[in-house]
Every structure is written in C-alpha cells, then in structure tokens.
Amino acid sequence: MSDDLQPASSRHLAATPGPAPALDIVILAAGESTRMQSQTPKVLHSLAGRPLIDYSLRLAEALSPNPPVVVVGRNAEALMAQIGPRARYVHQEQRLGTGHAVLQARATLQGLSQTVLVFYADMPLITRESMQALLALHVHNQARGGVLTMLTFTGDNPRGFGRIVRSAAGDVLAIVEEADCTPEQLKIVELNPGLYCYDADWLWRSLDEIRLSPKGEYYLTDLVAIAVNQGRPVSAHQVGDAREMMGINTRVHLAEAEAALRERINRRWMEAGVTMIDPAATYIDDTVEIGRDTLLLPGVHLHGQSRIGEECCIGPDASVIDTVIGRGCRVQRSVLEGSVLEDHVDVGPFAHLRQGAYLATGVHMGNFGEVKNARLGPGVKMGHFSYIGDAAIGQDVNISAGVITCNFDGVRKNQTIVGDHAFIGSDTMLVAPVTVGAGARTGAGSVVTHDVPSGRLAVGVPARLRPDHEPEGS
C-alpha cells in the first residue's frame, strides 16, 4: 500500500507523549453501528456498566504505559469525548479495510517502539493473561527471525472467521477466509479473530505491500502471507476460552457477551468471599465493589459506582445504582439510586431511595417509603407509606406511617428540618419550609404549616400548639 493511498485528511488529534516503551498499541474503533441498528457508535454501547471501548482501553493500559492509538472513523466526536486524554487519535476517513486503518497510525508511531500490538475495540472479553501470553510468544518468535505473532482460538461456530493453516512444525502458513475455503479447509476449527503482534519496523514497511482486495479494501490478514513468503516464521498462541474472542457486531452478540462477562464477574466476587444463592439471577456491573461475607439473593442488580460493605444482605429483587452501602446493612425488594447508607441500615421491602438520600447508622426505613435529597440521622425509624424529601431529620426521630414532607410549592423545593428525638405522628403533613424542634411531637393527621418549638405538641388541621400542661388526647 503506497503512501498516496493515505487520505490527506488523516490527522493526528493528540500529541505524541514523551519517551516511548518497547510496546505501542493500536485499537481499531472506526466501525459504525450498521448491524447494531443504532445511532450510537458501536463501541459506546454498554456492557456490564462500561462502554465497550473502556475494556480495550483498560487492557491497553495494563500492557503498556504508552497511551494507545485509537483509530476513529466518521462521527468520532462522541467516542473521543468518552475516551478523553486516555488515548491518542488518528482518523480513518475512508473505510478501506483493516490494513488501511492501521496505516493511519504509521505517522504517529513509526520509529517509536520495537513492537506494535493491534486489536479491535469491539472485543471486550480478551484478558490481560491472553495478551501477555501473546507478547511472550512474540519475544520467542522474534528470537528465531519472526516478525508477526497472533492469537487464535478453536470453536464450533466460526462466525465468519478465517481458518488457520499450520505447518507440521506448528507455524502458521496461511489464513484462509471462509468464502475461499475448500471443503477440507472448512473443517478446520482453529480460527483467526484478528489480533496481531508485530515487529514495528517490519509492520510499517510491509503495510505498503498489501494489495487491494476484490472488495476494494486492504486487509491485515495479508501480512501473514507476506511474512511467510519472506521466510519469516509466524507463531500463534491459541486461547483456551473461545469466549474471549467474541466480537460484537449485533445486539445479539452484545447479549451473549453480557452473559459471558456476568459469569466472569460473579465468579470473581464469589472467589473473593461474596455469597450468591443463584449467580444466574444476579447482575453485577464491572464497576461495582462488594465486601466479604455479603449475601446477594436472587434478582439483585448492582449498577454503576455502587459500593457494598461487608456482611450485608441485599435482595431478593433489589436494584442498587450508584449507591454506597455500609457494613451489615439489609436491603430487600427496594430501589436505591445515588444514595448513601451508613452501617446497620435496614431498608424495605418496596422502598425507594432517590438521588441524595443519606441514611445514617441504624436507620430503619419501612416498606413503601421514599426518601429524596434528605438525611435521616442515626437511629431514625421511618414507618411505611411515608415520603421524606429535601429534609434533615435528626437522631432517633420516629416518623410514623403516612408522613409526608410537602416540599414543593409549585415553584421551588423547600426544606423540612426535624430535631433529635422528635415524634411525627401518622399521616402528618409537614408543609415546607418548616422546622420541628428537638423532642417535639405532632398528632396523627396534623397539617404542620408553622414551626413547632422543641418539646411542644402540635395537632390539627392546620396544626396548632397544645398547652404544655394539657396531655395529648385530653
């Protein structure tokens, strides 16, 4: 492939960093979402709580300190905004094949490193161990004059991958695309997923030797034949788990990868001391952290940046999203979003914690309760069918069944403050802004529109203060 085939618009969108290590990485991410039937770039679709591209970036960061070069295509702005400064970028304006895509990185990387590793951004299940095995084999291959080492796998479902033809000594002789296979070659079960490790100088020279295919594209697979014709041995490391090589082109593939990754994530947490009654019915994002001796019951969904402490019991049927849960908490059949629970908090069943809810140590929140943008102090008991929003509730307050903070006046959200050891009677409406002092009480069914001083009792609609000497109910 000659230099004049490289589009003039191919540009380098980030500066090359300082001293380079022996390894540079190129991530191919110029694909579109045609088969995904989506307006969202394929590698920005979510898998276990992360965009697909994030798995490739984390893998690259684990293998080399040098930021990877990401080859982007049309409509790359969203992808670049997601990645940010974690990578360098080159642009492939025309979709002319994988060889052409790697060519876009030549001006950025040529002369910087000894080795170049190339893989796809839509293969999120590849492990660092497999890549390290590839790199180790490449060092051995270089010692005997090799310039190209690759990953392969065996599988009963070829999914269009090319077949690997090996010599009697085990070297790769050819990659035969499925459409070109003879009946005998179609029986080959060793497949090419398209992950390669190259001698850098050889790669940048040899890209010019790739010839245009009948489909009008330049393919990296042709470099295998070029190396073989030069008498350069091509080695291949066969990955033991074929699921690592799962590429994602459709939403069906995305669901298959989700199931495989969920099994991997759940196993990791069980091996770390987390109990799952039914792992197949337990859904944990790759971004979540869980403490030892926590029990996850069936139907649990843990998402986003959630952190679960030790010795908790979550579920059954609980959704925890971007929430921090302390030690020894119980959450059953509830939804928690953007919230914080300190230690020994009991929530549910059928409770809803919305953004900004903060439950201090020892809080009990009963069934069908809701808390939003409010802090419940230590030891608060919140009865069922209650709503607390935009509030600060003191220590050891009793919030009886049916209590509501009327926090929205049609224009703004107003705050309710309840002091320590107060008692809020059943079906009380606290019309914000309002303060109920420490040790104060409200009678059942009261509508509190004015502040209640500490130690006083307010009852009625609207609520009025009762004389101090007159006992409640007289």
Protein backbone atom coordinates (compact mmCIF):
# COMPACT_ATOMS: atom_id res chain seq x y z
CA MET A 1 0.00 0.00 0.00
CA SER A 2 1.61 3.27 -1.04
CA ASP A 3 1.60 6.49 0.94
CA ASP A 4 -0.60 8.23 -1.61
CA LEU A 5 -3.45 5.94 -0.57
CA GLN A 6 -3.49 7.56 2.85
CA PRO A 7 -6.18 10.30 2.86
CA ALA A 8 -4.84 13.80 3.30
CA SER A 9 -7.49 14.29 5.96
CA SER A 10 -5.97 11.54 8.10
CA ARG A 11 -4.82 13.61 11.04
CA HIS A 12 -3.24 13.11 14.41
CA LEU A 13 -5.56 14.56 17.01
CA ALA A 14 -3.31 14.39 20.08
CA ALA A 15 0.36 14.97 20.63
CA THR A 16 2.67 12.02 20.95
CA PRO A 17 3.80 11.70 24.58
CA GLY A 18 7.40 11.56 25.75
CA PRO A 19 9.74 8.58 25.83
CA ALA A 20 8.01 5.51 24.46
CA PRO A 21 8.27 1.99 25.87
CA ALA A 22 9.04 -1.07 23.78
CA LEU A 23 5.33 -1.62 23.06
CA ASP A 24 2.75 0.55 21.33
CA ILE A 25 -0.89 -0.45 20.92
CA VAL A 26 -3.32 0.33 18.13
CA ILE A 27 -7.04 -0.09 18.84
CA LEU A 28 -9.29 -0.27 15.80
CA ALA A 29 -12.51 1.62 16.60
CA ALA A 30 -13.61 3.13 13.28
CA GLY A 31 -16.52 0.71 12.82
CA GLU A 32 -20.06 2.01 12.69
CA SER A 33 -23.29 0.68 14.21
CA THR A 34 -24.86 -0.53 10.98
CA ARG A 35 -25.59 -4.06 12.21
CA MET A 36 -26.44 -2.76 15.67
CA GLN A 37 -29.24 -0.70 14.08
CA SER A 38 -28.20 2.19 16.27
CA GLN A 39 -27.36 5.89 16.14
CA THR A 40 -24.84 5.29 18.94
CA PRO A 41 -21.31 4.29 17.86
CA LYS A 42 -20.93 0.56 18.37
CA VAL A 43 -18.10 0.78 20.89
CA LEU A 44 -20.08 3.18 23.08
CA HIS A 45 -22.80 0.62 23.74
CA SER A 46 -22.77 -0.50 27.37
CA LEU A 47 -21.58 -3.88 28.60
CA ALA A 48 -21.81 -4.63 32.34
CA GLY A 49 -21.81 -0.95 33.18
CA ARG A 50 -18.96 0.17 30.93
CA PRO A 51 -18.88 1.26 27.28
CA LEU A 52 -17.25 -1.37 25.09
CA ILE A 53 -14.28 0.88 24.35
CA ASP A 54 -13.42 1.05 28.05
CA TYR A 55 -12.49 -2.63 28.14
CA SER A 56 -9.99 -2.15 25.32
CA LEU A 57 -8.54 0.94 26.97
CA ARG A 58 -8.10 -0.78 30.32
CA LEU A 59 -6.44 -3.72 28.61
CA ALA A 60 -4.06 -1.41 26.76
CA GLU A 61 -3.25 0.49 29.96
CA ALA A 62 -2.42 -2.80 31.71
CA LEU A 63 0.00 -3.80 28.95
CA SER A 64 1.86 -0.57 28.19
CA PRO A 65 2.36 2.83 29.87
CA ASN A 66 2.15 4.47 26.46
CA PRO A 67 -1.38 5.73 25.64
CA PRO A 68 -2.86 3.60 22.87
CA VAL A 69 -3.57 4.96 19.43
CA VAL A 70 -7.28 4.70 18.71
CA VAL A 71 -8.31 4.67 15.06
CA VAL A 72 -11.62 6.52 14.80
CA GLY A 73 -13.97 6.96 11.85
CA ARG A 74 -16.90 9.13 10.93
CA ASN A 75 -18.91 10.68 13.75
CA ALA A 76 -15.94 10.20 16.09
CA GLU A 77 -16.71 13.15 18.36
CA ALA A 78 -18.78 11.15 20.86
CA LEU A 79 -16.15 8.43 21.03
CA MET A 80 -13.32 10.89 21.57
CA ALA A 81 -15.33 12.71 24.23
CA GLN A 82 -15.82 9.42 26.08
CA ILE A 83 -12.14 8.44 25.92
CA GLY A 84 -10.64 11.85 26.51
CA PRO A 85 -6.87 12.06 27.17
CA ARG A 86 -6.50 8.33 27.78
CA ALA A 87 -5.54 7.82 24.13
CA ARG A 88 -4.01 9.35 21.03
CA TYR A 89 -6.24 9.51 17.96
CA VAL A 90 -5.89 9.08 14.23
CA HIS A 91 -8.77 9.40 11.81
CA GLN A 92 -9.76 6.96 9.08
CA GLU A 93 -11.97 9.00 6.80
CA GLN A 94 -12.49 6.20 4.25
CA ARG A 95 -13.38 2.65 5.28
CA LEU A 96 -10.79 0.81 3.20
CA GLY A 97 -10.14 -2.20 5.43
CA THR A 98 -8.13 -3.14 8.48
CA GLY A 99 -4.77 -2.69 6.81
CA HIS A 100 -5.73 0.80 5.78
CA ALA A 101 -6.93 1.51 9.34
CA VAL A 102 -3.56 0.56 10.85
CA LEU A 103 -1.80 2.61 8.19
CA GLN A 104 -3.37 5.72 9.68
CA ALA A 105 -1.26 5.17 12.82
CA ARG A 106 2.04 4.95 10.97
CA ALA A 107 2.91 8.65 11.04
CA THR A 108 2.20 8.76 14.77
CA LEU A 109 4.09 5.62 15.82
CA GLN A 110 6.80 4.93 13.25
CA GLY A 111 10.23 4.89 14.89
CA LEU A 112 8.91 5.00 18.45
CA SER A 113 8.72 1.40 19.60
CA GLN A 114 10.01 -2.09 18.90
CA THR A 115 6.63 -3.84 18.96
CA VAL A 116 3.08 -2.94 17.88
CA LEU A 117 0.03 -4.76 19.17
CA VAL A 118 -3.21 -4.41 17.18
CA PHE A 119 -6.69 -5.40 18.34
CA TYR A 120 -10.32 -4.39 17.97
CA ALA A 121 -12.40 -2.18 20.26
CA ASP A 122 -15.42 -4.47 19.91
CA MET A 123 -13.78 -7.49 21.60
CA PRO A 124 -14.24 -6.69 25.31
CA LEU A 125 -13.66 -10.16 26.77
CA ILE A 126 -9.96 -10.51 25.96
CA THR A 127 -7.96 -10.98 29.15
CA ARG A 128 -4.64 -9.48 30.08
CA GLU A 129 -3.30 -13.01 30.61
CA SER A 130 -4.00 -13.94 27.00
CA MET A 131 -2.35 -10.79 25.72
CA GLN A 132 0.67 -11.33 27.93
CA ALA A 133 0.98 -14.86 26.58
CA LEU A 134 0.88 -13.43 23.06
CA LEU A 135 3.60 -10.92 23.88
CA ALA A 136 5.78 -13.60 25.49
CA LEU A 137 5.40 -15.83 22.43
CA HIS A 138 6.26 -12.90 20.19
CA VAL A 139 9.58 -12.42 22.00
CA HIS A 140 10.36 -16.09 21.38
CA ASN A 141 9.29 -15.76 17.75
CA GLN A 142 11.48 -12.70 17.23
CA ALA A 143 14.48 -14.66 18.53
CA ARG A 144 14.13 -17.02 15.56
CA GLY A 145 13.55 -14.28 12.99
CA GLY A 146 9.79 -13.91 13.25
CA VAL A 147 8.08 -10.58 12.80
CA LEU A 148 4.41 -11.48 13.35
CA THR A 149 2.66 -13.37 16.15
CA MET A 150 -1.07 -13.80 16.51
CA LEU A 151 -3.86 -15.09 18.72
CA THR A 152 -6.14 -17.90 17.58
CA PHE A 153 -8.94 -19.95 19.11
CA THR A 154 -10.91 -23.07 18.35
CA GLY A 155 -14.67 -23.12 18.06
CA ASP A 156 -17.55 -25.00 16.54
CA ASN A 157 -19.21 -21.76 15.44
CA PRO A 158 -16.75 -19.99 13.10
CA ARG A 159 -18.94 -16.84 12.78
CA GLY A 160 -17.18 -15.96 9.53
CA PHE A 161 -13.62 -16.07 10.92
CA GLY A 162 -10.79 -17.22 8.67
CA ARG A 163 -9.28 -20.68 9.13
CA ILE A 164 -5.70 -21.16 10.37
CA VAL A 165 -3.49 -23.43 8.27
CA ARG A 166 -0.42 -24.61 10.18
CA SER A 167 2.74 -26.42 9.17
CA ALA A 168 3.78 -29.75 10.66
CA ALA A 169 6.07 -27.74 12.98
CA GLY A 170 3.14 -25.66 14.20
CA ASP A 171 3.88 -22.38 12.43
CA VAL A 172 1.08 -20.54 10.68
CA LEU A 173 1.27 -20.94 6.91
CA ALA A 174 -1.88 -19.12 5.89
CA ILE A 175 -5.18 -17.62 6.91
CA VAL A 176 -7.94 -18.72 4.55
CA GLU A 177 -11.09 -16.62 4.61
CA GLU A 178 -14.29 -18.62 4.96
CA ALA A 179 -15.54 -17.67 1.50
CA ASP A 180 -12.31 -19.01 -0.04
CA CYS A 181 -12.09 -22.27 1.94
CA THR A 182 -12.11 -25.68 0.28
CA PRO A 183 -14.44 -28.28 1.80
CA GLU A 184 -11.45 -29.68 3.71
CA GLN A 185 -10.40 -26.26 5.00
CA LEU A 186 -13.94 -25.59 6.22
CA LYS A 187 -13.42 -28.46 8.67
CA ILE A 188 -10.56 -26.59 10.36
CA VAL A 189 -11.65 -25.49 13.83
CA GLU A 190 -8.75 -23.14 14.60
CA LEU A 191 -9.90 -19.62 13.76
CA ASN A 192 -8.43 -16.15 13.32
CA PRO A 193 -10.04 -13.40 15.42
CA GLY A 194 -7.68 -10.74 14.05
CA LEU A 195 -5.35 -9.91 16.97
CA TYR A 196 -1.72 -9.43 15.97
CA CYS A 197 1.65 -8.54 17.44
CA TYR A 198 4.23 -7.15 15.02
CA ASP A 199 7.84 -6.13 14.82
CA ALA A 200 7.22 -2.40 14.46
CA ASP A 201 9.74 -1.57 11.72
CA TRP A 202 8.60 -4.54 9.63
CA LEU A 203 4.94 -3.61 10.05
CA TRP A 204 5.32 -0.02 8.88
CA ARG A 205 7.34 -1.14 5.83
CA SER A 206 5.10 -4.06 4.94
CA LEU A 207 1.80 -2.17 5.00
CA ASP A 208 2.79 -0.81 1.56
CA GLU A 209 2.92 -4.36 0.20
CA ILE A 210 -0.74 -5.14 0.91
CA ARG A 211 -2.70 -5.32 -2.32
CA LEU A 212 -6.22 -4.09 -2.88
CA SER A 213 -8.76 -6.89 -2.45
CA PRO A 214 -11.59 -7.55 -4.94
CA LYS A 215 -13.86 -5.76 -2.45
CA GLY A 216 -11.70 -2.65 -2.62
CA GLU A 217 -10.11 -2.98 0.82
CA TYR A 218 -6.68 -3.62 2.35
CA TYR A 219 -6.61 -6.48 4.88
CA LEU A 220 -4.19 -7.07 7.75
CA THR A 221 -4.52 -10.80 7.17
CA ASP A 222 -2.40 -10.36 4.03
CA LEU A 223 0.60 -9.59 6.24
CA VAL A 224 0.69 -13.26 7.25
CA ALA A 225 1.27 -14.32 3.65
CA ILE A 226 3.84 -11.55 3.21
CA ALA A 227 5.81 -12.76 6.25
CA VAL A 228 5.60 -16.41 5.17
CA ASN A 229 6.79 -15.54 1.65
CA GLN A 230 9.78 -13.76 3.20
CA GLY A 231 10.66 -16.90 5.14
CA ARG A 232 9.69 -15.26 8.43
CA PRO A 233 8.03 -17.70 10.84
CA VAL A 234 4.56 -16.77 12.06
CA SER A 235 3.65 -18.07 15.53
CA ALA A 236 0.20 -18.27 17.09
CA HIS A 237 -0.96 -18.56 20.69
CA GLN A 238 -4.21 -20.46 20.97
CA VAL A 239 -6.55 -19.02 23.61
CA GLY A 240 -8.16 -21.64 25.84
CA ASP A 241 -11.54 -19.94 26.28
CA ALA A 242 -13.15 -19.14 22.93
CA ARG A 243 -15.47 -16.63 24.59
CA GLU A 244 -12.54 -14.25 24.96
CA MET A 245 -12.52 -13.87 21.20
CA MET A 246 -16.17 -12.88 20.99
CA GLY A 247 -16.56 -9.88 18.71
CA ILE A 248 -19.66 -7.72 18.95
CA ASN A 249 -21.39 -6.73 15.74
CA THR A 250 -25.07 -7.08 16.66
CA ARG A 251 -27.24 -6.70 19.72
CA VAL A 252 -27.44 -10.49 19.87
CA HIS A 253 -23.66 -10.58 20.22
CA LEU A 254 -23.90 -7.88 22.88
CA ALA A 255 -26.29 -10.01 24.93
CA GLU A 256 -24.05 -13.06 24.52
CA ALA A 257 -21.05 -11.07 25.72
CA GLU A 258 -23.06 -9.71 28.65
CA ALA A 259 -23.89 -13.25 29.79
CA ALA A 260 -20.27 -14.37 29.48
CA LEU A 261 -18.95 -11.32 31.30
CA ARG A 262 -21.58 -11.59 34.04
CA GLU A 263 -20.47 -15.16 34.70
CA ARG A 264 -16.86 -13.99 34.94
CA ILE A 265 -17.73 -11.08 37.27
CA ASN A 266 -19.87 -13.24 39.56
CA ARG A 267 -17.19 -15.91 39.83
CA ARG A 268 -14.62 -13.27 40.74
CA TRP A 269 -16.77 -11.96 43.59
CA MET A 270 -17.64 -15.41 44.89
CA GLU A 271 -13.95 -16.28 44.96
CA ALA A 272 -13.43 -13.03 46.92
CA GLY A 273 -15.89 -14.05 49.64
CA VAL A 274 -19.32 -12.94 48.40
CA THR A 275 -22.19 -15.45 48.57
CA MET A 276 -24.71 -15.71 45.73
CA ILE A 277 -27.71 -18.00 46.05
CA ASP A 278 -28.31 -18.01 42.29
CA PRO A 279 -25.48 -16.47 40.24
CA ALA A 280 -27.52 -16.74 37.05
CA ALA A 281 -30.10 -14.38 38.59
CA THR A 282 -27.52 -11.93 39.98
CA TYR A 283 -26.46 -8.95 37.87
CA ILE A 284 -23.34 -7.00 38.83
CA ASP A 285 -21.71 -4.27 36.76
CA ASP A 286 -17.97 -4.46 36.26
CA THR A 287 -17.72 -1.10 38.08
CA VAL A 288 -19.18 -2.32 41.41
CA GLU A 289 -17.27 -3.19 44.61
CA ILE A 290 -18.57 -5.69 47.22
CA GLY A 291 -17.29 -6.55 50.71
CA ARG A 292 -16.65 -10.02 52.07
CA ASP A 293 -19.38 -12.12 53.67
CA THR A 294 -22.11 -10.18 51.90
CA LEU A 295 -25.07 -12.25 50.72
CA LEU A 296 -26.69 -11.50 47.36
CA LEU A 297 -30.12 -13.05 46.93
CA PRO A 298 -31.77 -13.76 43.55
CA GLY A 299 -32.91 -10.81 41.49
CA VAL A 300 -30.22 -8.40 42.70
CA HIS A 301 -29.00 -5.74 40.26
CA LEU A 302 -25.88 -3.78 41.28
CA HIS A 303 -25.04 -0.98 38.88
CA GLY A 304 -22.73 1.97 38.28
CA GLN A 305 -20.35 3.10 41.00
CA SER A 306 -22.10 1.20 43.80
CA ARG A 307 -20.05 0.10 46.81
CA ILE A 308 -21.40 -2.60 49.12
CA GLY A 309 -19.82 -3.15 52.54
CA GLU A 310 -19.11 -6.38 54.37
CA GLU A 311 -21.74 -8.64 55.95
CA CYS A 312 -24.69 -7.12 54.10
CA CYS A 313 -27.75 -8.92 52.80
CA ILE A 314 -29.03 -7.50 49.50
CA GLY A 315 -32.25 -8.77 47.97
CA PRO A 316 -34.16 -10.55 46.88
CA ASP A 317 -35.17 -8.33 43.98
CA ALA A 318 -33.19 -5.19 44.79
CA SER A 319 -31.73 -2.59 42.42
CA VAL A 320 -28.74 -0.61 43.70
CA ILE A 321 -27.50 2.16 41.40
CA ASP A 322 -24.54 4.45 42.15
CA THR A 323 -25.10 3.89 45.87
CA VAL A 324 -22.73 3.39 48.80
CA ILE A 325 -23.86 0.84 51.39
CA GLY A 326 -22.01 0.39 54.67
CA ARG A 327 -21.39 -2.69 56.77
CA GLY A 328 -24.13 -5.01 57.99
CA CYS A 329 -26.99 -3.45 56.01
CA ARG A 330 -30.16 -5.15 54.79
CA VAL A 331 -31.92 -4.11 51.59
CA GLN A 332 -34.86 -6.15 50.35
CA ARG A 333 -37.09 -5.65 47.31
CA SER A 334 -36.16 -1.98 47.01
CA VAL A 335 -34.62 0.54 44.58
CA LEU A 336 -31.66 2.65 45.71
CA GLU A 337 -30.32 5.39 43.42
CA GLY A 338 -27.50 7.81 44.14
CA SER A 339 -27.78 7.24 47.90
CA VAL A 340 -25.61 6.56 50.93
CA LEU A 341 -26.31 4.08 53.73
CA GLU A 342 -24.07 4.02 56.77
CA ASP A 343 -23.67 0.82 58.83
CA HIS A 344 -26.52 -1.43 60.00
CA VAL A 345 -29.26 0.24 57.97
CA ASP A 346 -32.43 -1.72 57.20
CA VAL A 347 -34.41 -0.79 54.07
CA GLY A 348 -37.60 -2.23 52.62
CA PRO A 349 -39.29 -4.13 51.34
CA PHE A 350 -40.57 -1.97 48.50
CA ALA A 351 -38.71 1.19 49.49
CA HIS A 352 -37.27 3.79 47.13
CA LEU A 353 -34.18 5.86 47.88
CA ARG A 354 -33.72 8.58 45.28
CA GLN A 355 -30.79 10.83 44.47
CA GLY A 356 -29.27 12.45 47.55
CA ALA A 357 -30.80 10.17 50.17
CA TYR A 358 -28.48 9.67 53.17
CA LEU A 359 -29.38 7.15 55.88
CA ALA A 360 -27.12 7.27 58.94
CA THR A 361 -26.18 4.32 61.14
CA GLY A 362 -29.04 2.23 62.45
CA VAL A 363 -31.82 3.77 60.36
CA HIS A 364 -34.87 1.62 59.68
CA MET A 365 -36.89 2.53 56.61
CA GLY A 366 -40.12 0.58 56.27
CA ASN A 367 -41.99 -0.75 53.29
CA PHE A 368 -43.34 1.57 50.59
CA GLY A 369 -41.31 4.51 51.90
CA GLU A 370 -39.46 7.04 49.77
CA VAL A 371 -36.56 9.37 50.59
CA LYS A 372 -35.15 12.00 48.23
CA ASN A 373 -32.36 14.53 48.84
CA ALA A 374 -32.71 14.12 52.60
CA ARG A 375 -30.61 12.99 55.52
CA LEU A 376 -32.03 10.68 58.16
CA GLY A 377 -29.95 10.82 61.33
CA PRO A 378 -28.72 7.87 63.39
CA GLY A 379 -31.43 5.59 64.73
CA VAL A 380 -34.32 7.14 62.78
CA LYS A 381 -37.34 4.87 62.43
CA MET A 382 -39.33 5.69 59.31
CA GLY A 383 -42.67 3.92 59.03
CA HIS A 384 -44.32 2.59 55.94
CA PHE A 385 -46.06 4.66 53.25
CA SER A 386 -44.02 7.77 54.10
CA TYR A 387 -42.23 10.31 51.90
CA ILE A 388 -39.30 12.42 53.10
CA GLY A 389 -37.88 14.87 50.57
CA ASP A 390 -35.49 17.84 50.89
CA ALA A 391 -35.21 17.32 54.62
CA ALA A 392 -32.79 16.99 57.52
CA ILE A 393 -34.05 14.54 60.13
CA GLY A 394 -32.25 14.41 63.48
CA GLN A 395 -31.19 11.49 65.66
CA ASP A 396 -33.66 8.88 66.95
CA VAL A 397 -36.67 10.53 65.31
CA ASN A 398 -39.81 8.44 64.86
CA ILE A 399 -41.52 9.02 61.51
CA SER A 400 -44.85 7.21 61.65
CA ALA A 401 -46.79 5.69 58.78
CA GLY A 402 -48.09 8.03 56.10
CA VAL A 403 -45.90 11.03 56.97
CA ILE A 404 -45.24 13.35 54.03
CA THR A 405 -42.95 16.34 53.61
CA CYS A 406 -44.75 18.76 51.29
CA ASN A 407 -41.51 20.10 49.86
CA PHE A 408 -42.63 21.58 46.52
CA ASP A 409 -44.75 24.75 46.41
CA GLY A 410 -45.10 24.78 42.64
CA VAL A 411 -42.04 26.96 42.13
CA ARG A 412 -39.23 25.75 44.38
CA LYS A 413 -38.23 22.87 46.63
CA ASN A 414 -38.30 23.84 50.30
CA GLN A 415 -36.61 22.21 53.28
CA THR A 416 -38.02 20.47 56.32
CA ILE A 417 -35.92 20.20 59.49
CA VAL A 418 -36.81 17.81 62.31
CA GLY A 419 -34.78 17.89 65.53
CA ASP A 420 -33.43 14.97 67.57
CA HIS A 421 -35.87 12.65 69.34
CA ALA A 422 -38.95 14.19 67.73
CA PHE A 423 -42.08 12.13 67.12
CA ILE A 424 -44.01 12.70 63.89
CA GLY A 425 -47.46 11.14 64.15
CA SER A 426 -49.14 9.06 61.45
CA ASP A 427 -50.39 10.90 58.36
CA THR A 428 -48.72 14.16 59.36
CA MET A 429 -48.11 16.61 56.52
CA LEU A 430 -45.05 18.80 57.05
CA VAL A 431 -45.57 21.79 54.75
CA ALA A 432 -42.10 23.14 53.97
CA PRO A 433 -40.30 25.30 54.77
CA VAL A 434 -40.89 24.20 58.34
CA THR A 435 -38.92 23.17 61.42
CA VAL A 436 -39.98 20.71 64.11
CA GLY A 437 -37.77 21.17 67.16
CA ALA A 438 -35.95 18.58 69.23
CA GLY A 439 -38.28 16.39 71.24
CA ALA A 440 -41.39 17.92 69.66
CA ARG A 441 -44.43 15.88 68.62
CA THR A 442 -47.18 16.06 66.05
CA GLY A 443 -50.54 14.41 66.39
CA ALA A 444 -51.91 11.94 63.88
CA GLY A 445 -53.32 13.62 60.76
CA SER A 446 -51.82 17.02 61.52
CA VAL A 447 -51.01 19.53 58.77
CA VAL A 448 -47.99 21.43 60.07
CA THR A 449 -47.63 24.83 58.37
CA HIS A 450 -45.65 26.65 61.08
CA ASP A 451 -42.57 25.77 63.11
CA VAL A 452 -43.06 23.57 66.16
CA PRO A 453 -40.76 24.60 69.04
CA SER A 454 -38.67 22.00 70.86
CA GLY A 455 -40.62 19.86 73.29
CA ARG A 456 -44.03 21.08 72.13
CA LEU A 457 -47.01 19.21 70.68
CA ALA A 458 -48.84 20.34 67.53
CA VAL A 459 -52.16 18.83 66.41
CA GLY A 460 -54.98 19.56 63.99
CA VAL A 461 -55.61 20.97 60.51
CA PRO A 462 -53.87 23.33 60.38
CA ALA A 463 -51.78 22.20 63.34
CA ARG A 464 -51.78 24.34 66.47
CA LEU A 465 -49.65 24.06 69.56
CA ARG A 466 -51.30 22.43 72.54
CA PRO A 467 -50.72 23.90 76.01
CA ASP A 468 -47.73 22.32 77.70
CA HIS A 469 -49.76 21.10 80.66
CA GLU A 470 -52.51 19.54 78.58
CA PRO A 471 -51.72 15.89 77.76
CA GLU A 472 -52.25 14.62 74.23
CA GLY A 473 -55.77 13.22 73.68
CA SER A 474 -57.45 15.06 76.57
